[in-house]
Every structure is written in structure tokens, then in C-alpha cells.
Amino acid sequence: MAQGRVYWVLFTALMLLACNTHKQKIYTSDCATDITFKKLSFHNLADSIKQYDGKYVEVSGRYVEGKHISALVNDSTFTDHGSRHSFWVNFTQDCPLYLKGKNTGLFETEDGEYKKINNRKMTIRGRVDLRKKGYKNAYIATINEVSYLELDQ
């Protein structure tokens, strides 16, 4: 009986630790405080992109960055992650993103290093622009005026 309790306490402690490890950092901007965003799945936005041109949306995916790359791709392992199935993400100085509760910007150095956001799951809010399709017009559309970023830890 005592051995069962020990296992139960150990199991409960491990579960609580596991629950606490999934934290998020939220970066916001003052650019779109009075705008309502339409929350969409990545798949729904990609399939109905013409319907959302010029509209403000919230979408989740995995962010990929590199030389000539600033893209939000579907985080599913069962879909194509090429640029024709991704959104160009346009972070601008006109809409600076700051960590909620602090005065630390997304692209400011922290402890001498930039935040590592490559290959991280995130949720962003911004305006869809079909006229701009990123580097060499290779993407579905651009998500402009990003005013919210929720970065999974």
C-alpha cells in the first residue's frame, strides 16, 4: 500500500512539472489595439486566402527564418512546407513588438543574444496582403502589420 502511494506522489509530481514546462512568451504592439482578428487554422487560411485579403487574421504555425526567408509554415508533419504552401511574415519597425509586462523588444538582444525564433511554433496576428508574396513572390501571401506574437517555449 505504501509503495502505491509513493508511485502516486512521484507520478503526480512529474505531471505537475510537465504541465509547468509549456510556457509562452507574448509580444504585443500598439498598432492594432482596436482591431478584431479572425482566428483561423493554417489550412483554412491557405485554402481561402482570397477571402481574407486585406483582413486581420490570427494564425498559428512554425516560423522559419534565414537568408531571404521569413515564413510561417504549417506545423503539421503531414503537409508540404515549401514556400507555395507558406506565408511570408513581414515584421516592421512601424509595429514594434514588445514582451508583455517588460520593455524588451522581439528583435532586441537579451543577455547579448537575439531571441531564437527559427523553427519555433508561434501564433501571430496581422493583415493579409495578397499583392505582396514575399521574396521572389514565392509565397501564398504576406502577413503584414504583425501586432501580436505568441511564442511557444
N, C-alpha and C. Protein backbone atom coordinates (compact mmCIF):
# COMPACT_ATOMS: atom_id res chain seq x y z
N MET A 1 0.82 -1.20 0.00
CA MET A 1 0.00 0.00 0.00
C MET A 1 0.86 1.26 0.00
N ALA A 2 1.91 1.27 0.85
CA ALA A 2 2.79 2.43 0.92
C ALA A 2 3.54 2.63 -0.39
N GLN A 3 3.90 1.52 -1.03
CA GLN A 3 4.62 1.61 -2.30
C GLN A 3 3.72 2.25 -3.37
N GLY A 4 2.44 1.94 -3.35
CA GLY A 4 1.49 2.54 -4.29
C GLY A 4 1.38 4.04 -4.10
N ARG A 5 1.41 4.49 -2.84
CA ARG A 5 1.34 5.93 -2.54
C ARG A 5 2.60 6.64 -3.05
N VAL A 6 3.74 6.01 -2.87
CA VAL A 6 4.99 6.60 -3.34
C VAL A 6 4.94 6.78 -4.85
N TYR A 7 4.47 5.76 -5.55
CA TYR A 7 4.35 5.88 -7.01
C TYR A 7 3.35 6.97 -7.39
N TRP A 8 2.27 7.05 -6.66
CA TRP A 8 1.25 8.07 -6.95
C TRP A 8 1.82 9.47 -6.76
N VAL A 9 2.54 9.70 -5.66
CA VAL A 9 3.15 11.00 -5.39
C VAL A 9 4.18 11.33 -6.47
N LEU A 10 5.00 10.36 -6.82
CA LEU A 10 6.01 10.57 -7.86
C LEU A 10 5.35 10.89 -9.20
N PHE A 11 4.32 10.15 -9.55
CA PHE A 11 3.59 10.38 -10.80
C PHE A 11 2.97 11.77 -10.82
N THR A 12 2.32 12.17 -9.73
CA THR A 12 1.70 13.49 -9.64
C THR A 12 2.73 14.60 -9.76
N ALA A 13 3.87 14.45 -9.09
CA ALA A 13 4.92 15.46 -9.17
C ALA A 13 5.45 15.60 -10.59
N LEU A 14 5.65 14.49 -11.27
CA LEU A 14 6.13 14.54 -12.66
C LEU A 14 5.10 15.19 -13.57
N MET A 15 3.84 14.91 -13.36
CA MET A 15 2.79 15.52 -14.18
C MET A 15 2.74 17.03 -13.97
N LEU A 16 2.87 17.48 -12.74
CA LEU A 16 2.87 18.91 -12.47
C LEU A 16 4.08 19.60 -13.10
N LEU A 17 5.22 18.97 -13.04
CA LEU A 17 6.41 19.52 -13.70
C LEU A 17 6.22 19.60 -15.20
N ALA A 18 5.63 18.58 -15.78
CA ALA A 18 5.40 18.57 -17.23
C ALA A 18 4.43 19.67 -17.63
N CYS A 19 3.43 19.91 -16.83
CA CYS A 19 2.45 20.96 -17.14
C CYS A 19 3.08 22.33 -17.06
N ASN A 20 4.04 22.52 -16.20
CA ASN A 20 4.65 23.81 -15.99
C ASN A 20 5.70 24.15 -17.05
N THR A 21 6.15 23.19 -17.83
CA THR A 21 7.22 23.46 -18.79
C THR A 21 6.71 24.11 -20.07
N HIS A 22 5.42 24.11 -20.33
CA HIS A 22 4.89 24.67 -21.56
C HIS A 22 4.47 26.12 -21.31
N LYS A 23 5.45 27.01 -21.37
CA LYS A 23 5.18 28.43 -21.16
C LYS A 23 5.23 29.14 -22.50
N GLN A 24 4.61 30.30 -22.53
CA GLN A 24 4.60 31.07 -23.75
C GLN A 24 5.07 32.48 -23.45
N LYS A 25 5.73 33.07 -24.43
CA LYS A 25 6.09 34.48 -24.35
C LYS A 25 5.18 35.20 -25.33
N ILE A 26 4.57 36.28 -24.86
CA ILE A 26 3.65 37.03 -25.70
C ILE A 26 4.24 38.42 -25.96
N TYR A 27 4.38 38.75 -27.23
CA TYR A 27 4.86 40.05 -27.67
C TYR A 27 3.70 40.80 -28.31
N THR A 28 3.52 42.05 -27.92
CA THR A 28 2.41 42.84 -28.47
C THR A 28 2.92 44.19 -28.97
N SER A 29 2.06 44.84 -29.73
CA SER A 29 2.34 46.16 -30.28
C SER A 29 1.11 47.03 -30.08
N ASP A 30 1.31 48.32 -30.13
CA ASP A 30 0.18 49.26 -30.01
C ASP A 30 -0.48 49.53 -31.35
N CYS A 31 -0.05 48.86 -32.40
CA CYS A 31 -0.53 49.15 -33.75
C CYS A 31 -1.99 48.78 -34.00
N ALA A 32 -2.48 47.75 -33.38
CA ALA A 32 -3.83 47.26 -33.71
C ALA A 32 -4.64 46.97 -32.46
N THR A 33 -4.68 47.92 -31.55
CA THR A 33 -5.35 47.68 -30.28
C THR A 33 -6.87 47.62 -30.42
N ASP A 34 -7.43 48.30 -31.39
CA ASP A 34 -8.89 48.34 -31.53
C ASP A 34 -9.40 47.49 -32.70
N ILE A 35 -8.58 46.57 -33.18
CA ILE A 35 -8.96 45.73 -34.33
C ILE A 35 -9.32 44.33 -33.84
N THR A 36 -10.38 43.78 -34.43
CA THR A 36 -10.78 42.40 -34.14
C THR A 36 -10.15 41.48 -35.17
N PHE A 37 -9.50 40.44 -34.70
CA PHE A 37 -8.82 39.49 -35.57
C PHE A 37 -9.65 38.22 -35.71
N LYS A 38 -9.69 37.68 -36.91
CA LYS A 38 -10.39 36.43 -37.19
C LYS A 38 -9.41 35.29 -36.95
N LYS A 39 -9.71 34.41 -36.00
CA LYS A 39 -8.84 33.28 -35.69
C LYS A 39 -9.12 32.16 -36.69
N LEU A 40 -8.08 31.73 -37.39
CA LEU A 40 -8.21 30.70 -38.43
C LEU A 40 -7.14 29.64 -38.27
N SER A 41 -7.45 28.44 -38.74
CA SER A 41 -6.41 27.42 -38.81
C SER A 41 -5.52 27.75 -40.00
N PHE A 42 -4.31 27.26 -39.98
CA PHE A 42 -3.38 27.49 -41.08
C PHE A 42 -3.99 26.99 -42.39
N HIS A 43 -4.53 25.79 -42.35
CA HIS A 43 -5.12 25.15 -43.53
C HIS A 43 -6.28 25.97 -44.08
N ASN A 44 -7.16 26.45 -43.20
CA ASN A 44 -8.32 27.23 -43.64
C ASN A 44 -7.88 28.55 -44.29
N LEU A 45 -6.91 29.22 -43.69
CA LEU A 45 -6.43 30.47 -44.27
C LEU A 45 -5.79 30.24 -45.63
N ALA A 46 -4.97 29.21 -45.75
CA ALA A 46 -4.30 28.92 -47.02
C ALA A 46 -5.30 28.56 -48.11
N ASP A 47 -6.32 27.79 -47.77
CA ASP A 47 -7.32 27.38 -48.77
C ASP A 47 -8.25 28.51 -49.19
N SER A 48 -8.50 29.47 -48.30
CA SER A 48 -9.46 30.54 -48.58
C SER A 48 -8.78 31.90 -48.58
N ILE A 49 -7.55 31.97 -49.03
CA ILE A 49 -6.74 33.18 -48.90
C ILE A 49 -7.38 34.40 -49.57
N LYS A 50 -8.02 34.22 -50.72
CA LYS A 50 -8.62 35.36 -51.42
C LYS A 50 -9.72 36.01 -50.59
N GLN A 51 -10.41 35.22 -49.81
CA GLN A 51 -11.49 35.72 -48.96
C GLN A 51 -10.96 36.62 -47.84
N TYR A 52 -9.69 36.47 -47.47
CA TYR A 52 -9.13 37.20 -46.34
C TYR A 52 -8.16 38.31 -46.75
N ASP A 53 -8.07 38.62 -48.03
CA ASP A 53 -7.18 39.70 -48.48
C ASP A 53 -7.59 41.01 -47.83
N GLY A 54 -6.65 41.67 -47.18
CA GLY A 54 -6.91 42.93 -46.50
C GLY A 54 -7.53 42.78 -45.12
N LYS A 55 -7.82 41.57 -44.71
CA LYS A 55 -8.46 41.32 -43.42
C LYS A 55 -7.39 41.02 -42.36
N TYR A 56 -7.78 41.22 -41.13
CA TYR A 56 -6.90 40.95 -40.00
C TYR A 56 -7.17 39.55 -39.47
N VAL A 57 -6.13 38.74 -39.37
CA VAL A 57 -6.28 37.33 -39.00
C VAL A 57 -5.31 36.96 -37.88
N GLU A 58 -5.66 35.87 -37.21
CA GLU A 58 -4.78 35.23 -36.24
C GLU A 58 -4.56 33.81 -36.72
N VAL A 59 -3.31 33.41 -36.85
CA VAL A 59 -2.99 32.09 -37.38
C VAL A 59 -1.75 31.54 -36.66
N SER A 60 -1.71 30.23 -36.53
CA SER A 60 -0.57 29.57 -35.87
C SER A 60 0.20 28.72 -36.88
N GLY A 61 1.47 28.56 -36.61
CA GLY A 61 2.32 27.72 -37.45
C GLY A 61 3.72 27.70 -36.88
N ARG A 62 4.65 27.24 -37.67
CA ARG A 62 6.06 27.21 -37.29
C ARG A 62 6.78 28.27 -38.10
N TYR A 63 7.55 29.11 -37.42
CA TYR A 63 8.26 30.20 -38.08
C TYR A 63 9.62 29.71 -38.58
N VAL A 64 9.94 30.04 -39.82
CA VAL A 64 11.22 29.68 -40.41
C VAL A 64 11.89 30.96 -40.90
N GLU A 65 13.15 31.16 -40.52
CA GLU A 65 13.87 32.34 -40.96
C GLU A 65 15.23 31.94 -41.51
N GLY A 66 15.76 32.80 -42.35
CA GLY A 66 17.06 32.56 -42.94
C GLY A 66 17.32 33.63 -43.99
N LYS A 67 18.31 33.40 -44.84
CA LYS A 67 18.60 34.35 -45.90
C LYS A 67 17.43 34.37 -46.87
N HIS A 68 16.79 35.52 -46.99
CA HIS A 68 15.62 35.72 -47.86
C HIS A 68 14.43 34.86 -47.43
N ILE A 69 14.36 34.51 -46.15
CA ILE A 69 13.23 33.72 -45.65
C ILE A 69 12.71 34.33 -44.35
N SER A 70 11.43 34.58 -44.32
CA SER A 70 10.70 34.98 -43.11
C SER A 70 9.31 34.42 -43.30
N ALA A 71 9.12 33.16 -42.94
CA ALA A 71 7.89 32.46 -43.32
C ALA A 71 7.23 31.76 -42.15
N LEU A 72 5.91 31.70 -42.24
CA LEU A 72 5.12 30.89 -41.33
C LEU A 72 4.65 29.69 -42.13
N VAL A 73 5.04 28.50 -41.66
CA VAL A 73 4.68 27.27 -42.36
C VAL A 73 3.74 26.46 -41.48
N ASN A 74 3.00 25.57 -42.10
CA ASN A 74 2.10 24.69 -41.36
C ASN A 74 2.95 23.81 -40.45
N ASP A 75 2.57 23.71 -39.19
CA ASP A 75 3.38 22.92 -38.26
C ASP A 75 3.05 21.43 -38.29
N SER A 76 2.15 21.02 -39.16
CA SER A 76 1.83 19.61 -39.31
C SER A 76 2.97 18.90 -40.04
N THR A 77 3.28 17.70 -39.62
CA THR A 77 4.34 16.94 -40.28
C THR A 77 3.84 16.29 -41.57
N PHE A 78 2.55 16.34 -41.82
CA PHE A 78 1.97 15.66 -42.97
C PHE A 78 1.68 16.59 -44.15
N THR A 79 2.17 17.82 -44.11
CA THR A 79 1.91 18.75 -45.20
C THR A 79 3.21 19.25 -45.81
N ASP A 80 3.10 19.79 -47.00
CA ASP A 80 4.25 20.37 -47.70
C ASP A 80 4.61 21.69 -47.02
N HIS A 81 5.88 21.90 -46.75
CA HIS A 81 6.34 23.11 -46.09
C HIS A 81 7.04 24.06 -47.05
N GLY A 82 6.91 23.84 -48.34
CA GLY A 82 7.53 24.71 -49.33
C GLY A 82 6.90 26.10 -49.32
N SER A 83 7.56 27.04 -49.98
CA SER A 83 7.09 28.43 -49.98
C SER A 83 5.70 28.58 -50.59
N ARG A 84 5.33 27.76 -51.54
CA ARG A 84 3.99 27.84 -52.15
C ARG A 84 2.89 27.43 -51.18
N HIS A 85 3.28 26.89 -50.04
CA HIS A 85 2.32 26.47 -49.02
C HIS A 85 2.59 27.20 -47.70
N SER A 86 3.23 28.38 -47.79
CA SER A 86 3.62 29.14 -46.61
C SER A 86 3.27 30.61 -46.78
N PHE A 87 3.28 31.33 -45.66
CA PHE A 87 3.02 32.77 -45.67
C PHE A 87 4.31 33.52 -45.36
N TRP A 88 4.56 34.58 -46.12
CA TRP A 88 5.67 35.47 -45.81
C TRP A 88 5.23 36.30 -44.60
N VAL A 89 6.12 36.48 -43.63
CA VAL A 89 5.81 37.28 -42.44
C VAL A 89 6.65 38.54 -42.48
N ASN A 90 5.97 39.69 -42.43
CA ASN A 90 6.64 40.97 -42.53
C ASN A 90 6.62 41.68 -41.18
N PHE A 91 7.69 41.49 -40.41
CA PHE A 91 7.85 42.25 -39.17
C PHE A 91 8.39 43.62 -39.55
N THR A 92 7.81 44.69 -39.01
CA THR A 92 8.27 46.03 -39.37
C THR A 92 8.59 46.86 -38.13
N GLN A 93 9.43 47.86 -38.32
CA GLN A 93 9.74 48.80 -37.26
C GLN A 93 8.55 49.70 -36.96
N ASP A 94 7.61 49.79 -37.92
CA ASP A 94 6.41 50.60 -37.70
C ASP A 94 5.51 49.98 -36.64
N CYS A 95 5.64 48.69 -36.43
CA CYS A 95 4.84 47.94 -35.47
C CYS A 95 5.78 47.14 -34.55
N PRO A 96 6.55 47.80 -33.70
CA PRO A 96 7.50 47.06 -32.86
C PRO A 96 6.78 46.19 -31.84
N LEU A 97 7.28 44.99 -31.66
CA LEU A 97 6.69 44.03 -30.74
C LEU A 97 7.50 43.99 -29.44
N TYR A 98 6.80 44.14 -28.31
CA TYR A 98 7.46 44.13 -27.01
C TYR A 98 6.89 43.02 -26.13
N LEU A 99 7.76 42.41 -25.35
CA LEU A 99 7.36 41.36 -24.43
C LEU A 99 6.37 41.94 -23.43
N LYS A 100 5.24 41.28 -23.29
CA LYS A 100 4.18 41.75 -22.41
C LYS A 100 4.71 41.83 -20.97
N GLY A 101 4.51 43.00 -20.35
CA GLY A 101 4.95 43.19 -18.97
C GLY A 101 6.39 43.67 -18.84
N LYS A 102 7.12 43.72 -19.95
CA LYS A 102 8.51 44.18 -19.93
C LYS A 102 8.69 45.16 -21.09
N ASN A 103 9.84 45.77 -21.16
CA ASN A 103 10.12 46.69 -22.26
C ASN A 103 11.17 46.09 -23.18
N THR A 104 11.13 44.78 -23.37
CA THR A 104 12.09 44.08 -24.22
C THR A 104 11.46 43.82 -25.57
N GLY A 105 12.08 44.33 -26.63
CA GLY A 105 11.57 44.13 -27.97
C GLY A 105 11.92 42.76 -28.51
N LEU A 106 11.14 42.29 -29.47
CA LEU A 106 11.37 40.97 -30.06
C LEU A 106 12.75 40.87 -30.69
N PHE A 107 13.21 41.92 -31.34
CA PHE A 107 14.49 41.87 -32.04
C PHE A 107 15.61 42.58 -31.29
N GLU A 108 15.41 42.81 -29.99
CA GLU A 108 16.48 43.36 -29.16
C GLU A 108 17.28 42.21 -28.58
N THR A 109 18.53 42.51 -28.24
CA THR A 109 19.36 41.46 -27.64
C THR A 109 18.99 41.31 -26.17
N GLU A 110 19.04 40.09 -25.73
CA GLU A 110 18.79 39.78 -24.32
C GLU A 110 19.96 38.93 -23.86
N ASP A 111 20.70 39.42 -22.90
CA ASP A 111 21.92 38.74 -22.45
C ASP A 111 22.92 38.59 -23.59
N GLY A 112 22.98 39.59 -24.48
CA GLY A 112 23.95 39.58 -25.56
C GLY A 112 23.56 38.74 -26.77
N GLU A 113 22.38 38.12 -26.74
CA GLU A 113 21.95 37.28 -27.86
C GLU A 113 20.55 37.69 -28.31
N TYR A 114 20.30 37.52 -29.61
CA TYR A 114 18.95 37.74 -30.13
C TYR A 114 18.08 36.54 -29.78
N LYS A 115 16.80 36.79 -29.70
CA LYS A 115 15.89 35.68 -29.42
C LYS A 115 15.90 34.70 -30.57
N LYS A 116 15.91 33.46 -30.23
CA LYS A 116 15.92 32.41 -31.25
C LYS A 116 14.47 32.04 -31.56
N ILE A 117 13.99 32.48 -32.71
CA ILE A 117 12.61 32.19 -33.08
C ILE A 117 12.52 31.26 -34.27
N ASN A 118 13.65 30.90 -34.85
CA ASN A 118 13.64 29.99 -36.00
C ASN A 118 13.17 28.60 -35.58
N ASN A 119 12.30 28.03 -36.40
CA ASN A 119 11.73 26.69 -36.17
C ASN A 119 10.95 26.60 -34.87
N ARG A 120 10.34 27.70 -34.46
CA ARG A 120 9.53 27.72 -33.24
C ARG A 120 8.06 27.86 -33.62
N LYS A 121 7.21 27.20 -32.85
CA LYS A 121 5.77 27.31 -33.06
C LYS A 121 5.32 28.65 -32.50
N MET A 122 4.50 29.34 -33.27
CA MET A 122 4.01 30.64 -32.83
C MET A 122 2.62 30.92 -33.38
N THR A 123 1.96 31.85 -32.73
CA THR A 123 0.69 32.39 -33.20
C THR A 123 0.92 33.86 -33.45
N ILE A 124 0.50 34.33 -34.63
CA ILE A 124 0.67 35.75 -34.95
C ILE A 124 -0.67 36.34 -35.38
N ARG A 125 -0.75 37.66 -35.22
CA ARG A 125 -1.90 38.42 -35.70
C ARG A 125 -1.37 39.49 -36.65
N GLY A 126 -2.02 39.59 -37.80
CA GLY A 126 -1.61 40.58 -38.78
C GLY A 126 -2.63 40.71 -39.89
N ARG A 127 -2.29 41.53 -40.89
CA ARG A 127 -3.19 41.79 -42.02
C ARG A 127 -2.69 41.04 -43.25
N VAL A 128 -3.59 40.33 -43.90
CA VAL A 128 -3.24 39.56 -45.10
C VAL A 128 -3.12 40.50 -46.29
N ASP A 129 -2.06 40.34 -47.07
CA ASP A 129 -1.85 41.13 -48.28
C ASP A 129 -1.51 40.18 -49.43
N LEU A 130 -2.46 40.04 -50.35
CA LEU A 130 -2.26 39.14 -51.50
C LEU A 130 -1.36 39.74 -52.57
N ARG A 131 -1.24 41.06 -52.60
CA ARG A 131 -0.41 41.69 -53.64
C ARG A 131 1.07 41.43 -53.39
N LYS A 132 1.44 41.31 -52.14
CA LYS A 132 2.84 41.04 -51.79
C LYS A 132 2.94 39.58 -51.38
N LYS A 133 3.90 38.89 -51.98
CA LYS A 133 4.03 37.46 -51.72
C LYS A 133 5.45 37.08 -51.33
N GLY A 134 6.14 38.00 -50.65
CA GLY A 134 7.46 37.70 -50.13
C GLY A 134 8.55 37.67 -51.19
N TYR A 135 9.68 37.14 -50.80
CA TYR A 135 10.85 37.09 -51.65
C TYR A 135 10.54 36.35 -52.94
N LYS A 136 10.77 37.01 -54.07
CA LYS A 136 10.53 36.48 -55.42
C LYS A 136 9.08 36.00 -55.62
N ASN A 137 8.15 36.63 -54.89
CA ASN A 137 6.72 36.28 -55.00
C ASN A 137 6.47 34.78 -54.87
N ALA A 138 7.20 34.13 -54.00
CA ALA A 138 7.16 32.67 -53.90
C ALA A 138 6.16 32.15 -52.86
N TYR A 139 5.50 33.04 -52.13
CA TYR A 139 4.64 32.61 -51.03
C TYR A 139 3.16 32.84 -51.36
N ILE A 140 2.28 32.24 -50.56
CA ILE A 140 0.83 32.38 -50.77
C ILE A 140 0.43 33.84 -50.67
N ALA A 141 0.90 34.50 -49.63
CA ALA A 141 0.57 35.90 -49.35
C ALA A 141 1.52 36.39 -48.27
N THR A 142 1.41 37.67 -47.94
CA THR A 142 2.19 38.25 -46.86
C THR A 142 1.27 38.52 -45.68
N ILE A 143 1.76 38.26 -44.50
CA ILE A 143 1.07 38.70 -43.29
C ILE A 143 1.82 39.92 -42.81
N ASN A 144 1.19 41.08 -43.01
CA ASN A 144 1.77 42.38 -42.70
C ASN A 144 1.30 42.86 -41.33
N GLU A 145 1.92 43.94 -40.88
CA GLU A 145 1.49 44.64 -39.67
C GLU A 145 1.31 43.67 -38.51
N VAL A 146 2.27 42.81 -38.30
CA VAL A 146 2.19 41.85 -37.20
C VAL A 146 2.20 42.62 -35.88
N SER A 147 1.11 42.48 -35.13
CA SER A 147 0.96 43.25 -33.89
C SER A 147 0.86 42.36 -32.66
N TYR A 148 0.95 41.06 -32.85
CA TYR A 148 0.86 40.11 -31.74
C TYR A 148 1.63 38.86 -32.13
N LEU A 149 2.43 38.37 -31.20
CA LEU A 149 3.18 37.14 -31.44
C LEU A 149 3.22 36.35 -30.13
N GLU A 150 2.69 35.15 -30.18
CA GLU A 150 2.73 34.25 -29.03
C GLU A 150 3.72 33.15 -29.38
N LEU A 151 4.82 33.13 -28.66
CA LEU A 151 5.92 32.23 -28.95
C LEU A 151 5.93 31.10 -27.94
N ASP A 152 5.77 29.88 -28.41
CA ASP A 152 5.83 28.71 -27.52
C ASP A 152 7.27 28.51 -27.06
N GLN A 153 7.43 28.17 -25.82
CA GLN A 153 8.75 27.91 -25.25
C GLN A 153 9.20 26.52 -25.57
